[in-house]
Amino acid sequence: MLHTGVPMAPASGGAAGGAASLPHPGAAAATATVAAATGGGGGKEDAVVWYYIDPHGQQQGPCSISQFRSWLKYLAENPDMRSEYDKFRVCTVWQAGDAGRRMTLMELFAHLSLQLL
C-alpha cells in the first residue's frame, strides 16, 4: 500500500518502547544496504523502496526516506503528536527485497547521517 499521508498514529494506550526500542538482529549489517539504496547518503531519498511496521503492527509501504522525513517533521512539530512521534521513530524499516536486514527508523537516519527530528 502506498502511504501518502501521515504514518499510522497509534490509538491512545498503544504499545510503545519495549522490544521495539532494542536493536534488531542484522541492524549492523544494514549499513551496506542503506548505502547502496541511497548512493552512500546522496540524492536517492525520493526512491520508494522502503517498508515499515507502523505502531499498530501493520506493514506499510513502499515509501521513501523523504516521506519518512516529512512524517517525522509533522509529528515533531505538533505538541499533541509527541507520543506518536516517539513511537514512529522506533518503527522497524527495511528496503524492498531485503526484509532480512531490518532496523529502526532512528538507525536508518543514523546510518545516513541525517538529522532525525
PDB file of N, CA and C in Angstrom:
ATOM      1  N   MET A   1       0.847  -1.173   0.000  1.00  0.00           N
ATOM      2  CA  MET A   1       0.000   0.000   0.000  1.00  0.00           C
ATOM      3  C   MET A   1       0.891   1.234   0.000  1.00  0.00           C
ATOM      4  N   LEU A   2       0.703   2.089  -0.955  1.00  0.00           N
ATOM      5  CA  LEU A   2       1.450   3.340  -0.985  1.00  0.00           C
ATOM      6  C   LEU A   2       0.875   4.261   0.059  1.00  0.00           C
ATOM      7  N   HIS A   3       1.720   4.743   0.913  1.00  0.00           N
ATOM      8  CA  HIS A   3       1.292   5.574   2.036  1.00  0.00           C
ATOM      9  C   HIS A   3       1.632   7.009   1.702  1.00  0.00           C
ATOM     10  N   THR A   4       0.633   7.847   1.559  1.00  0.00           N
ATOM     11  CA  THR A   4       0.888   9.208   1.101  1.00  0.00           C
ATOM     12  C   THR A   4       0.691  10.264   2.161  1.00  0.00           C
ATOM     13  N   GLY A   5       0.155   9.890   3.308  1.00  0.00           N
ATOM     14  CA  GLY A   5      -0.101  10.871   4.356  1.00  0.00           C
ATOM     15  C   GLY A   5       0.783  10.641   5.554  1.00  0.00           C
ATOM     16  N   VAL A   6       0.248  10.954   6.698  1.00  0.00           N
ATOM     17  CA  VAL A   6       0.956  10.768   7.955  1.00  0.00           C
ATOM     18  C   VAL A   6       0.949   9.285   8.285  1.00  0.00           C
ATOM     19  N   PRO A   7       2.011   8.758   8.891  1.00  0.00           N
ATOM     20  CA  PRO A   7       2.041   7.341   9.234  1.00  0.00           C
ATOM     21  C   PRO A   7       0.912   7.005  10.197  1.00  0.00           C
ATOM     22  N   MET A   8       0.578   5.738  10.265  1.00  0.00           N
ATOM     23  CA  MET A   8      -0.488   5.301  11.154  1.00  0.00           C
ATOM     24  C   MET A   8      -0.183   5.738  12.572  1.00  0.00           C
ATOM     25  N   ALA A   9      -0.997   6.601  13.131  1.00  0.00           N
ATOM     26  CA  ALA A   9      -0.811   7.069  14.502  1.00  0.00           C
ATOM     27  C   ALA A   9      -1.481   6.093  15.449  1.00  0.00           C
ATOM     28  N   PRO A  10      -0.776   5.693  16.509  1.00  0.00           N
ATOM     29  CA  PRO A  10      -1.352   4.730  17.434  1.00  0.00           C
ATOM     30  C   PRO A  10      -2.516   5.334  18.206  1.00  0.00           C
ATOM     31  N   ALA A  11      -3.444   4.497  18.567  1.00  0.00           N
ATOM     32  CA  ALA A  11      -4.550   4.934  19.409  1.00  0.00           C
ATOM     33  C   ALA A  11      -4.040   5.134  20.823  1.00  0.00           C
ATOM     34  N   SER A  12      -4.754   5.867  21.590  1.00  0.00           N
ATOM     35  CA  SER A  12      -4.395   6.115  22.975  1.00  0.00           C
ATOM     36  C   SER A  12      -4.192   4.790  23.687  1.00  0.00           C
ATOM     37  N   GLY A  13      -3.066   4.659  24.411  1.00  0.00           N
ATOM     38  CA  GLY A  13      -2.770   3.440  25.146  1.00  0.00           C
ATOM     39  C   GLY A  13      -2.101   2.383  24.308  1.00  0.00           C
ATOM     40  N   GLY A  14      -1.656   2.717  23.067  1.00  0.00           N
ATOM     41  CA  GLY A  14      -0.989   1.744  22.220  1.00  0.00           C
ATOM     42  C   GLY A  14       0.360   1.357  22.770  1.00  0.00           C
ATOM     43  N   ALA A  15       0.863   0.239  22.309  1.00  0.00           N
ATOM     44  CA  ALA A  15       2.158  -0.253  22.781  1.00  0.00           C
ATOM     45  C   ALA A  15       3.277   0.611  22.236  1.00  0.00           C
ATOM     46  N   ALA A  16       4.264   0.839  23.056  1.00  0.00           N
ATOM     47  CA  ALA A  16       5.434   1.615  22.643  1.00  0.00           C
ATOM     48  C   ALA A  16       6.638   1.129  23.401  1.00  0.00           C
ATOM     49  N   GLY A  17       7.805   1.497  22.888  1.00  0.00           N
ATOM     50  CA  GLY A  17       9.047   1.177  23.584  1.00  0.00           C
ATOM     51  C   GLY A  17       9.246  -0.315  23.634  1.00  0.00           C
ATOM     52  N   GLY A  18       9.695  -0.833  24.793  1.00  0.00           N
ATOM     53  CA  GLY A  18       9.902  -2.256  24.966  1.00  0.00           C
ATOM     54  C   GLY A  18      10.820  -2.813  23.914  1.00  0.00           C
ATOM     55  N   ALA A  19      10.450  -3.973  23.378  1.00  0.00           N
ATOM     56  CA  ALA A  19      11.293  -4.649  22.408  1.00  0.00           C
ATOM     57  C   ALA A  19      11.511  -3.817  21.159  1.00  0.00           C
ATOM     58  N   ALA A  20      10.569  -2.944  20.814  1.00  0.00           N
ATOM     59  CA  ALA A  20      10.707  -2.130  19.606  1.00  0.00           C
ATOM     60  C   ALA A  20      11.889  -1.185  19.697  1.00  0.00           C
ATOM     61  N   SER A  21      12.315  -0.838  20.899  1.00  0.00           N
ATOM     62  CA  SER A  21      13.419   0.099  21.023  1.00  0.00           C
ATOM     63  C   SER A  21      14.764  -0.603  21.112  1.00  0.00           C
ATOM     64  N   LEU A  22      14.774  -1.940  21.108  1.00  0.00           N
ATOM     65  CA  LEU A  22      16.023  -2.684  21.140  1.00  0.00           C
ATOM     66  C   LEU A  22      16.565  -2.832  19.732  1.00  0.00           C
ATOM     67  N   PRO A  23      17.903  -2.931  19.591  1.00  0.00           N
ATOM     68  CA  PRO A  23      18.466  -3.131  18.252  1.00  0.00           C
ATOM     69  C   PRO A  23      17.949  -4.435  17.654  1.00  0.00           C
ATOM     70  N   HIS A  24      17.680  -4.428  16.374  1.00  0.00           N
ATOM     71  CA  HIS A  24      17.189  -5.606  15.688  1.00  0.00           C
ATOM     72  C   HIS A  24      18.356  -6.425  15.168  1.00  0.00           C
ATOM     73  N   PRO A  25      18.215  -7.766  15.145  1.00  0.00           N
ATOM     74  CA  PRO A  25      19.282  -8.593  14.588  1.00  0.00           C
ATOM     75  C   PRO A  25      19.565  -8.166  13.151  1.00  0.00           C
ATOM     76  N   GLY A  26      20.813  -8.062  12.820  1.00  0.00           N
ATOM     77  CA  GLY A  26      21.203  -7.681  11.474  1.00  0.00           C
ATOM     78  C   GLY A  26      21.247  -6.193  11.234  1.00  0.00           C
ATOM     79  N   ALA A  27      20.933  -5.382  12.226  1.00  0.00           N
ATOM     80  CA  ALA A  27      20.912  -3.930  12.027  1.00  0.00           C
ATOM     81  C   ALA A  27      22.289  -3.409  11.655  1.00  0.00           C
ATOM     82  N   ALA A  28      23.334  -3.964  12.260  1.00  0.00           N
ATOM     83  CA  ALA A  28      24.684  -3.502  11.940  1.00  0.00           C
ATOM     84  C   ALA A  28      25.032  -3.811  10.490  1.00  0.00           C
ATOM     85  N   ALA A  29      24.576  -4.962  10.001  1.00  0.00           N
ATOM     86  CA  ALA A  29      24.863  -5.344   8.618  1.00  0.00           C
ATOM     87  C   ALA A  29      24.076  -4.511   7.624  1.00  0.00           C
ATOM     88  N   ALA A  30      23.104  -3.777   8.099  1.00  0.00           N
ATOM     89  CA  ALA A  30      22.256  -2.988   7.208  1.00  0.00           C
ATOM     90  C   ALA A  30      22.958  -1.771   6.636  1.00  0.00           C
ATOM     91  N   THR A  31      24.100  -1.396   7.176  1.00  0.00           N
ATOM     92  CA  THR A  31      24.802  -0.210   6.694  1.00  0.00           C
ATOM     93  C   THR A  31      25.053  -0.281   5.196  1.00  0.00           C
ATOM     94  N   ALA A  32      25.505  -1.425   4.712  1.00  0.00           N
ATOM     95  CA  ALA A  32      25.784  -1.575   3.283  1.00  0.00           C
ATOM     96  C   ALA A  32      24.505  -1.464   2.467  1.00  0.00           C
ATOM     97  N   THR A  33      23.427  -2.042   2.955  1.00  0.00           N
ATOM     98  CA  THR A  33      22.148  -1.967   2.262  1.00  0.00           C
ATOM     99  C   THR A  33      21.676  -0.528   2.150  1.00  0.00           C
ATOM    100  N   VAL A  34      21.757   0.196   3.252  1.00  0.00           N
ATOM    101  CA  VAL A  34      21.331   1.592   3.264  1.00  0.00           C
ATOM    102  C   VAL A  34      22.183   2.411   2.317  1.00  0.00           C
ATOM    103  N   ALA A  35      23.496   2.220   2.364  1.00  0.00           N
ATOM    104  CA  ALA A  35      24.392   2.974   1.488  1.00  0.00           C
ATOM    105  C   ALA A  35      24.084   2.681   0.028  1.00  0.00           C
ATOM    106  N   ALA A  36      23.837   1.419  -0.297  1.00  0.00           N
ATOM    107  CA  ALA A  36      23.526   1.061  -1.677  1.00  0.00           C
ATOM    108  C   ALA A  36      22.207   1.682  -2.123  1.00  0.00           C
ATOM    109  N   ALA A  37      21.229   1.679  -1.251  1.00  0.00           N
ATOM    110  CA  ALA A  37      19.909   2.207  -1.605  1.00  0.00           C
ATOM    111  C   ALA A  37      19.898   3.715  -1.734  1.00  0.00           C
ATOM    112  N   THR A  38      20.840   4.372  -1.108  1.00  0.00           N
ATOM    113  CA  THR A  38      20.827   5.833  -1.095  1.00  0.00           C
ATOM    114  C   THR A  38      22.031   6.429  -1.799  1.00  0.00           C
ATOM    115  N   GLY A  39      22.824   5.605  -2.440  1.00  0.00           N
ATOM    116  CA  GLY A  39      24.015   6.124  -3.096  1.00  0.00           C
ATOM    117  C   GLY A  39      25.004   6.663  -2.088  1.00  0.00           C
ATOM    118  N   GLY A  40      25.097   6.019  -0.917  1.00  0.00           N
ATOM    119  CA  GLY A  40      26.036   6.443   0.109  1.00  0.00           C
ATOM    120  C   GLY A  40      25.593   7.704   0.821  1.00  0.00           C
ATOM    121  N   GLY A  41      24.323   7.995   0.842  1.00  0.00           N
ATOM    122  CA  GLY A  41      23.816   9.178   1.532  1.00  0.00           C
ATOM    123  C   GLY A  41      23.479  10.294   0.564  1.00  0.00           C
ATOM    124  N   GLY A  42      23.554   9.990  -0.730  1.00  0.00           N
ATOM    125  CA  GLY A  42      23.307  11.007  -1.736  1.00  0.00           C
ATOM    126  C   GLY A  42      21.839  11.186  -2.045  1.00  0.00           C
ATOM    127  N   GLY A  43      21.534  11.594  -3.271  1.00  0.00           N
ATOM    128  CA  GLY A  43      20.224  12.081  -3.635  1.00  0.00           C
ATOM    129  C   GLY A  43      19.143  11.082  -3.970  1.00  0.00           C
ATOM    130  N   LYS A  44      19.106   9.926  -3.366  1.00  0.00           N
ATOM    131  CA  LYS A  44      18.045   8.974  -3.667  1.00  0.00           C
ATOM    132  C   LYS A  44      17.012   8.896  -2.551  1.00  0.00           C
ATOM    133  N   GLU A  45      16.831   9.974  -1.820  1.00  0.00           N
ATOM    134  CA  GLU A  45      15.853   9.970  -0.734  1.00  0.00           C
ATOM    135  C   GLU A  45      14.431   9.833  -1.247  1.00  0.00           C
ATOM    136  N   ASP A  46      14.201  10.106  -2.523  1.00  0.00           N
ATOM    137  CA  ASP A  46      12.856  10.014  -3.075  1.00  0.00           C
ATOM    138  C   ASP A  46      12.543   8.633  -3.638  1.00  0.00           C
ATOM    139  N   ALA A  47      13.529   7.717  -3.631  1.00  0.00           N
ATOM    140  CA  ALA A  47      13.294   6.362  -4.118  1.00  0.00           C
ATOM    141  C   ALA A  47      12.300   5.665  -3.193  1.00  0.00           C
ATOM    142  N   VAL A  48      11.230   5.140  -3.774  1.00  0.00           N
ATOM    143  CA  VAL A  48      10.176   4.498  -2.992  1.00  0.00           C
ATOM    144  C   VAL A  48      10.537   3.020  -2.838  1.00  0.00           C
ATOM    145  N   VAL A  49      11.451   2.746  -1.916  1.00  0.00           N
ATOM    146  CA  VAL A  49      11.967   1.389  -1.754  1.00  0.00           C
ATOM    147  C   VAL A  49      11.930   0.899  -0.309  1.00  0.00           C
ATOM    148  N   TRP A  50      11.242   1.597   0.574  1.00  0.00           N
ATOM    149  CA  TRP A  50      11.258   1.260   1.993  1.00  0.00           C
ATOM    150  C   TRP A  50       9.876   0.842   2.488  1.00  0.00           C
ATOM    151  N   TYR A  51       9.875  -0.126   3.384  1.00  0.00           N
ATOM    152  CA  TYR A  51       8.671  -0.584   4.062  1.00  0.00           C
ATOM    153  C   TYR A  51       8.874  -0.399   5.558  1.00  0.00           C
ATOM    154  N   TYR A  52       7.786  -0.368   6.300  1.00  0.00           N
ATOM    155  CA  TYR A  52       7.906  -0.259   7.752  1.00  0.00           C
ATOM    156  C   TYR A  52       6.711  -0.901   8.435  1.00  0.00           C
ATOM    157  N   ILE A  53       6.898  -1.206   9.716  1.00  0.00           N
ATOM    158  CA  ILE A  53       5.818  -1.695  10.555  1.00  0.00           C
ATOM    159  C   ILE A  53       5.342  -0.509  11.378  1.00  0.00           C
ATOM    160  N   ASP A  54       4.082  -0.122  11.204  1.00  0.00           N
ATOM    161  CA  ASP A  54       3.568   1.050  11.918  1.00  0.00           C
ATOM    162  C   ASP A  54       3.348   0.722  13.400  1.00  0.00           C
ATOM    163  N   PRO A  55       3.055   1.730  14.217  1.00  0.00           N
ATOM    164  CA  PRO A  55       2.874   1.489  15.653  1.00  0.00           C
ATOM    165  C   PRO A  55       1.736   0.523  16.000  1.00  0.00           C
ATOM    166  N   HIS A  56       0.867   0.215  15.027  1.00  0.00           N
ATOM    167  CA  HIS A  56      -0.210  -0.752  15.246  1.00  0.00           C
ATOM    168  C   HIS A  56       0.209  -2.159  14.833  1.00  0.00           C
ATOM    169  N   GLY A  57       1.455  -2.309  14.352  1.00  0.00           N
ATOM    170  CA  GLY A  57       1.936  -3.616  13.933  1.00  0.00           C
ATOM    171  C   GLY A  57       1.602  -3.970  12.500  1.00  0.00           C
ATOM    172  N   GLN A  58       1.120  -3.015  11.716  1.00  0.00           N
ATOM    173  CA  GLN A  58       0.749  -3.253  10.323  1.00  0.00           C
ATOM    174  C   GLN A  58       1.880  -2.856   9.384  1.00  0.00           C
ATOM    175  N   GLN A  59       2.129  -3.699   8.371  1.00  0.00           N
ATOM    176  CA  GLN A  59       3.141  -3.356   7.373  1.00  0.00           C
ATOM    177  C   GLN A  59       2.612  -2.243   6.487  1.00  0.00           C
ATOM    178  N   GLN A  60       3.453  -1.252   6.226  1.00  0.00           N
ATOM    179  CA  GLN A  60       3.123  -0.117   5.367  1.00  0.00           C
ATOM    180  C   GLN A  60       4.229   0.045   4.325  1.00  0.00           C
ATOM    181  N   GLY A  61       3.901   0.658   3.203  1.00  0.00           N
ATOM    182  CA  GLY A  61       4.878   0.939   2.172  1.00  0.00           C
ATOM    183  C   GLY A  61       4.383   0.446   0.829  1.00  0.00           C
ATOM    184  N   PRO A  62       5.170   0.635  -0.199  1.00  0.00           N
ATOM    185  CA  PRO A  62       6.508   1.238  -0.136  1.00  0.00           C
ATOM    186  C   PRO A  62       6.436   2.753   0.037  1.00  0.00           C
ATOM    187  N   CYS A  63       7.505   3.285   0.579  1.00  0.00           N
ATOM    188  CA  CYS A  63       7.620   4.726   0.759  1.00  0.00           C
ATOM    189  C   CYS A  63       9.091   5.118   0.659  1.00  0.00           C
ATOM    190  N   SER A  64       9.347   6.401   0.731  1.00  0.00           N
ATOM    191  CA  SER A  64      10.709   6.909   0.551  1.00  0.00           C
ATOM    192  C   SER A  64      11.245   7.506   1.844  1.00  0.00           C
ATOM    193  N   ILE A  65      12.537   7.710   1.877  1.00  0.00           N
ATOM    194  CA  ILE A  65      13.170   8.369   3.014  1.00  0.00           C
ATOM    195  C   ILE A  65      12.631   9.791   3.148  1.00  0.00           C
ATOM    196  N   SER A  66      12.384  10.460   2.025  1.00  0.00           N
ATOM    197  CA  SER A  66      11.844  11.822   2.116  1.00  0.00           C
ATOM    198  C   SER A  66      10.441  11.815   2.727  1.00  0.00           C
ATOM    199  N   GLN A  67       9.650  10.768   2.483  1.00  0.00           N
ATOM    200  CA  GLN A  67       8.346  10.661   3.133  1.00  0.00           C
ATOM    201  C   GLN A  67       8.518  10.454   4.638  1.00  0.00           C
ATOM    202  N   PHE A  68       9.447   9.570   5.026  1.00  0.00           N
ATOM    203  CA  PHE A  68       9.727   9.382   6.456  1.00  0.00           C
ATOM    204  C   PHE A  68      10.070  10.719   7.097  1.00  0.00           C
ATOM    205  N   ARG A  69      10.939  11.473   6.432  1.00  0.00           N
ATOM    206  CA  ARG A  69      11.367  12.772   6.967  1.00  0.00           C
ATOM    207  C   ARG A  69      10.164  13.721   7.116  1.00  0.00           C
ATOM    208  N   SER A  70       9.302  13.756   6.122  1.00  0.00           N
ATOM    209  CA  SER A  70       8.130  14.628   6.161  1.00  0.00           C
ATOM    210  C   SER A  70       7.195  14.246   7.313  1.00  0.00           C
ATOM    211  N   TRP A  71       6.941  12.952   7.478  1.00  0.00           N
ATOM    212  CA  TRP A  71       6.065  12.498   8.556  1.00  0.00           C
ATOM    213  C   TRP A  71       6.672  12.819   9.917  1.00  0.00           C
ATOM    214  N   LEU A  72       7.973  12.563  10.064  1.00  0.00           N
ATOM    215  CA  LEU A  72       8.645  12.864  11.334  1.00  0.00           C
ATOM    216  C   LEU A  72       8.562  14.349  11.648  1.00  0.00           C
ATOM    217  N   LYS A  73       8.758  15.174  10.627  1.00  0.00           N
ATOM    218  CA  LYS A  73       8.690  16.628  10.826  1.00  0.00           C
ATOM    219  C   LYS A  73       7.291  17.029  11.295  1.00  0.00           C
ATOM    220  N   TYR A  74       6.276  16.504  10.632  1.00  0.00           N
ATOM    221  CA  TYR A  74       4.901  16.813  11.017  1.00  0.00           C
ATOM    222  C   TYR A  74       4.632  16.406  12.466  1.00  0.00           C
ATOM    223  N   LEU A  75       4.996  15.185  12.827  1.00  0.00           N
ATOM    224  CA  LEU A  75       4.753  14.688  14.183  1.00  0.00           C
ATOM    225  C   LEU A  75       5.547  15.473  15.221  1.00  0.00           C
ATOM    226  N   ALA A  76       6.808  15.811  14.898  1.00  0.00           N
ATOM    227  CA  ALA A  76       7.669  16.526  15.843  1.00  0.00           C
ATOM    228  C   ALA A  76       7.191  17.952  16.083  1.00  0.00           C
ATOM    229  N   GLU A  77       6.614  18.574  15.071  1.00  0.00           N
ATOM    230  CA  GLU A  77       6.206  19.978  15.179  1.00  0.00           C
ATOM    231  C   GLU A  77       4.832  20.167  15.816  1.00  0.00           C
ATOM    232  N   ASN A  78       4.141  19.090  16.094  1.00  0.00           N
ATOM    233  CA  ASN A  78       2.811  19.162  16.692  1.00  0.00           C
ATOM    234  C   ASN A  78       2.856  18.589  18.103  1.00  0.00           C
ATOM    235  N   PRO A  79       2.799  19.460  19.112  1.00  0.00           N
ATOM    236  CA  PRO A  79       2.908  19.002  20.502  1.00  0.00           C
ATOM    237  C   PRO A  79       1.925  17.883  20.859  1.00  0.00           C
ATOM    238  N   ASP A  80       0.743  17.897  20.276  1.00  0.00           N
ATOM    239  CA  ASP A  80      -0.242  16.851  20.560  1.00  0.00           C
ATOM    240  C   ASP A  80       0.146  15.504  19.953  1.00  0.00           C
ATOM    241  N   MET A  81       1.135  15.495  19.080  1.00  0.00           N
ATOM    242  CA  MET A  81       1.546  14.275  18.390  1.00  0.00           C
ATOM    243  C   MET A  81       2.860  13.708  18.932  1.00  0.00           C
ATOM    244  N   ARG A  82       3.366  14.225  20.030  1.00  0.00           N
ATOM    245  CA  ARG A  82       4.677  13.806  20.543  1.00  0.00           C
ATOM    246  C   ARG A  82       4.742  12.301  20.805  1.00  0.00           C
ATOM    247  N   SER A  83       3.702  11.739  21.379  1.00  0.00           N
ATOM    248  CA  SER A  83       3.690  10.304  21.654  1.00  0.00           C
ATOM    249  C   SER A  83       3.786   9.498  20.353  1.00  0.00           C
ATOM    250  N   GLU A  84       3.059   9.932  19.329  1.00  0.00           N
ATOM    251  CA  GLU A  84       3.107   9.256  18.037  1.00  0.00           C
ATOM    252  C   GLU A  84       4.487   9.386  17.403  1.00  0.00           C
ATOM    253  N   TYR A  85       5.104  10.556  17.548  1.00  0.00           N
ATOM    254  CA  TYR A  85       6.466  10.767  17.048  1.00  0.00           C
ATOM    255  C   TYR A  85       7.417   9.773  17.708  1.00  0.00           C
ATOM    256  N   ASP A  86       7.342   9.662  19.021  1.00  0.00           N
ATOM    257  CA  ASP A  86       8.233   8.753  19.751  1.00  0.00           C
ATOM    258  C   ASP A  86       8.056   7.313  19.291  1.00  0.00           C
ATOM    259  N   LYS A  87       6.834   6.909  19.005  1.00  0.00           N
ATOM    260  CA  LYS A  87       6.570   5.543  18.550  1.00  0.00           C
ATOM    261  C   LYS A  87       7.016   5.339  17.110  1.00  0.00           C
ATOM    262  N   PHE A  88       6.801   6.332  16.259  1.00  0.00           N
ATOM    263  CA  PHE A  88       7.146   6.183  14.842  1.00  0.00           C
ATOM    264  C   PHE A  88       8.653   6.107  14.626  1.00  0.00           C
ATOM    265  N   ARG A  89       9.422   6.864  15.373  1.00  0.00           N
ATOM    266  CA  ARG A  89      10.865   6.866  15.132  1.00  0.00           C
ATOM    267  C   ARG A  89      11.538   5.556  15.492  1.00  0.00           C
ATOM    268  N   VAL A  90      10.870   4.673  16.227  1.00  0.00           N
ATOM    269  CA  VAL A  90      11.441   3.360  16.523  1.00  0.00           C
ATOM    270  C   VAL A  90      10.736   2.246  15.756  1.00  0.00           C
ATOM    271  N   CYS A  91       9.932   2.609  14.748  1.00  0.00           N
ATOM    272  CA  CYS A  91       9.321   1.602  13.887  1.00  0.00           C
ATOM    273  C   CYS A  91      10.412   0.862  13.120  1.00  0.00           C
ATOM    274  N   THR A  92      10.157  -0.390  12.841  1.00  0.00           N
ATOM    275  CA  THR A  92      11.073  -1.204  12.052  1.00  0.00           C
ATOM    276  C   THR A  92      10.919  -0.852  10.577  1.00  0.00           C
ATOM    277  N   VAL A  93      12.059  -0.634   9.887  1.00  0.00           N
ATOM    278  CA  VAL A  93      12.059  -0.330   8.455  1.00  0.00           C
ATOM    279  C   VAL A  93      12.983  -1.301   7.733  1.00  0.00           C
ATOM    280  N   TRP A  94      12.737  -1.514   6.445  1.00  0.00           N
ATOM    281  CA  TRP A  94      13.607  -2.331   5.616  1.00  0.00           C
ATOM    282  C   TRP A  94      13.429  -1.929   4.171  1.00  0.00           C
ATOM    283  N   GLN A  95      14.451  -2.266   3.392  1.00  0.00           N
ATOM    284  CA  GLN A  95      14.440  -1.941   1.967  1.00  0.00           C
ATOM    285  C   GLN A  95      13.709  -3.034   1.203  1.00  0.00           C
ATOM    286  N   ALA A  96      12.989  -2.646   0.165  1.00  0.00           N
ATOM    287  CA  ALA A  96      12.298  -3.614  -0.682  1.00  0.00           C
ATOM    288  C   ALA A  96      13.290  -4.671  -1.147  1.00  0.00           C
ATOM    289  N   GLY A  97      12.898  -5.929  -1.058  1.00  0.00           N
ATOM    290  CA  GLY A  97      13.745  -7.020  -1.499  1.00  0.00           C
ATOM    291  C   GLY A  97      14.775  -7.462  -0.476  1.00  0.00           C
ATOM    292  N   ASP A  98      14.805  -6.847   0.683  1.00  0.00           N
ATOM    293  CA  ASP A  98      15.804  -7.205   1.691  1.00  0.00           C
ATOM    294  C   ASP A  98      15.193  -7.143   3.092  1.00  0.00           C
ATOM    295  N   ALA A  99      14.084  -7.839   3.283  1.00  0.00           N
ATOM    296  CA  ALA A  99      13.378  -7.802   4.568  1.00  0.00           C
ATOM    297  C   ALA A  99      14.199  -8.403   5.700  1.00  0.00           C
ATOM    298  N   GLY A 100      15.239  -9.159   5.377  1.00  0.00           N
ATOM    299  CA  GLY A 100      16.083  -9.749   6.414  1.00  0.00           C
ATOM    300  C   GLY A 100      16.971  -8.744   7.113  1.00  0.00           C
ATOM    301  N   ARG A 101      17.175  -7.608   6.517  1.00  0.00           N
ATOM    302  CA  ARG A 101      18.024  -6.569   7.115  1.00  0.00           C
ATOM    303  C   ARG A 101      17.138  -5.423   7.573  1.00  0.00           C
ATOM    304  N   ARG A 102      16.695  -5.538   8.798  1.00  0.00           N
ATOM    305  CA  ARG A 102      15.776  -4.545   9.359  1.00  0.00           C
ATOM    306  C   ARG A 102      16.482  -3.676  10.381  1.00  0.00           C
ATOM    307  N   MET A 103      15.956  -2.478  10.569  1.00  0.00           N
ATOM    308  CA  MET A 103      16.491  -1.538  11.553  1.00  0.00           C
ATOM    309  C   MET A 103      15.366  -0.604  11.951  1.00  0.00           C
ATOM    310  N   THR A 104      15.591   0.197  12.970  1.00  0.00           N
ATOM    311  CA  THR A 104      14.586   1.198  13.326  1.00  0.00           C
ATOM    312  C   THR A 104      14.763   2.408  12.418  1.00  0.00           C
ATOM    313  N   LEU A 105      13.757   3.236  12.370  1.00  0.00           N
ATOM    314  CA  LEU A 105      13.848   4.465  11.583  1.00  0.00           C
ATOM    315  C   LEU A 105      14.994   5.332  12.101  1.00  0.00           C
ATOM    316  N   MET A 106      15.188   5.367  13.417  1.00  0.00           N
ATOM    317  CA  MET A 106      16.307   6.115  14.008  1.00  0.00           C
ATOM    318  C   MET A 106      17.639   5.584  13.482  1.00  0.00           C
ATOM    319  N   GLU A 107      17.780   4.255  13.423  1.00  0.00           N
ATOM    320  CA  GLU A 107      19.020   3.656  12.931  1.00  0.00           C
ATOM    321  C   GLU A 107      19.239   3.977  11.458  1.00  0.00           C
ATOM    322  N   LEU A 108      18.175   3.953  10.664  1.00  0.00           N
ATOM    323  CA  LEU A 108      18.290   4.302   9.245  1.00  0.00           C
ATOM    324  C   LEU A 108      18.838   5.711   9.090  1.00  0.00           C
ATOM    325  N   PHE A 109      18.265   6.663   9.809  1.00  0.00           N
ATOM    326  CA  PHE A 109      18.728   8.046   9.718  1.00  0.00           C
ATOM    327  C   PHE A 109      20.160   8.179  10.227  1.00  0.00           C
ATOM    328  N   ALA A 110      20.534   7.437  11.266  1.00  0.00           N
ATOM    329  CA  ALA A 110      21.910   7.479  11.773  1.00  0.00           C
ATOM    330  C   ALA A 110      22.879   6.942  10.725  1.00  0.00           C
ATOM    331  N   HIS A 111      22.519   5.844  10.052  1.00  0.00           N
ATOM    332  CA  HIS A 111      23.376   5.278   9.004  1.00  0.00           C
ATOM    333  C   HIS A 111      23.554   6.252   7.849  1.00  0.00           C
ATOM    334  N   LEU A 112      22.543   7.062   7.613  1.00  0.00           N
ATOM    335  CA  LEU A 112      22.599   8.035   6.522  1.00  0.00           C
ATOM    336  C   LEU A 112      23.171   9.370   6.973  1.00  0.00           C
ATOM    337  N   SER A 113      23.503   9.465   8.253  1.00  0.00           N
ATOM    338  CA  SER A 113      23.986  10.724   8.840  1.00  0.00           C
ATOM    339  C   SER A 113      22.990  11.849   8.595  1.00  0.00           C
ATOM    340  N   LEU A 114      21.720  11.541   8.762  1.00  0.00           N
ATOM    341  CA  LEU A 114      20.655  12.521   8.586  1.00  0.00           C
ATOM    342  C   LEU A 114      20.115  12.928   9.942  1.00  0.00           C
ATOM    343  N   GLN A 115      19.631  14.130  10.018  1.00  0.00           N
ATOM    344  CA  GLN A 115      19.020  14.633  11.249  1.00  0.00           C
ATOM    345  C   GLN A 115      17.659  13.977  11.433  1.00  0.00           C
ATOM    346  N   LEU A 116      17.476  13.309  12.558  1.00  0.00           N
ATOM    347  CA  LEU A 116      16.172  12.782  12.922  1.00  0.00           C
ATOM    348  C   LEU A 116      15.527  13.816  13.811  1.00  0.00           C
ATOM    349  N   LEU A 117      14.407  14.352  13.404  1.00  0.00           N
ATOM    350  CA  LEU A 117      13.745  15.431  14.140  1.00  0.00           C
ATOM    351  C   LEU A 117      13.422  15.022  15.551  1.00  0.00           C
TER     352      LEU A 117
END
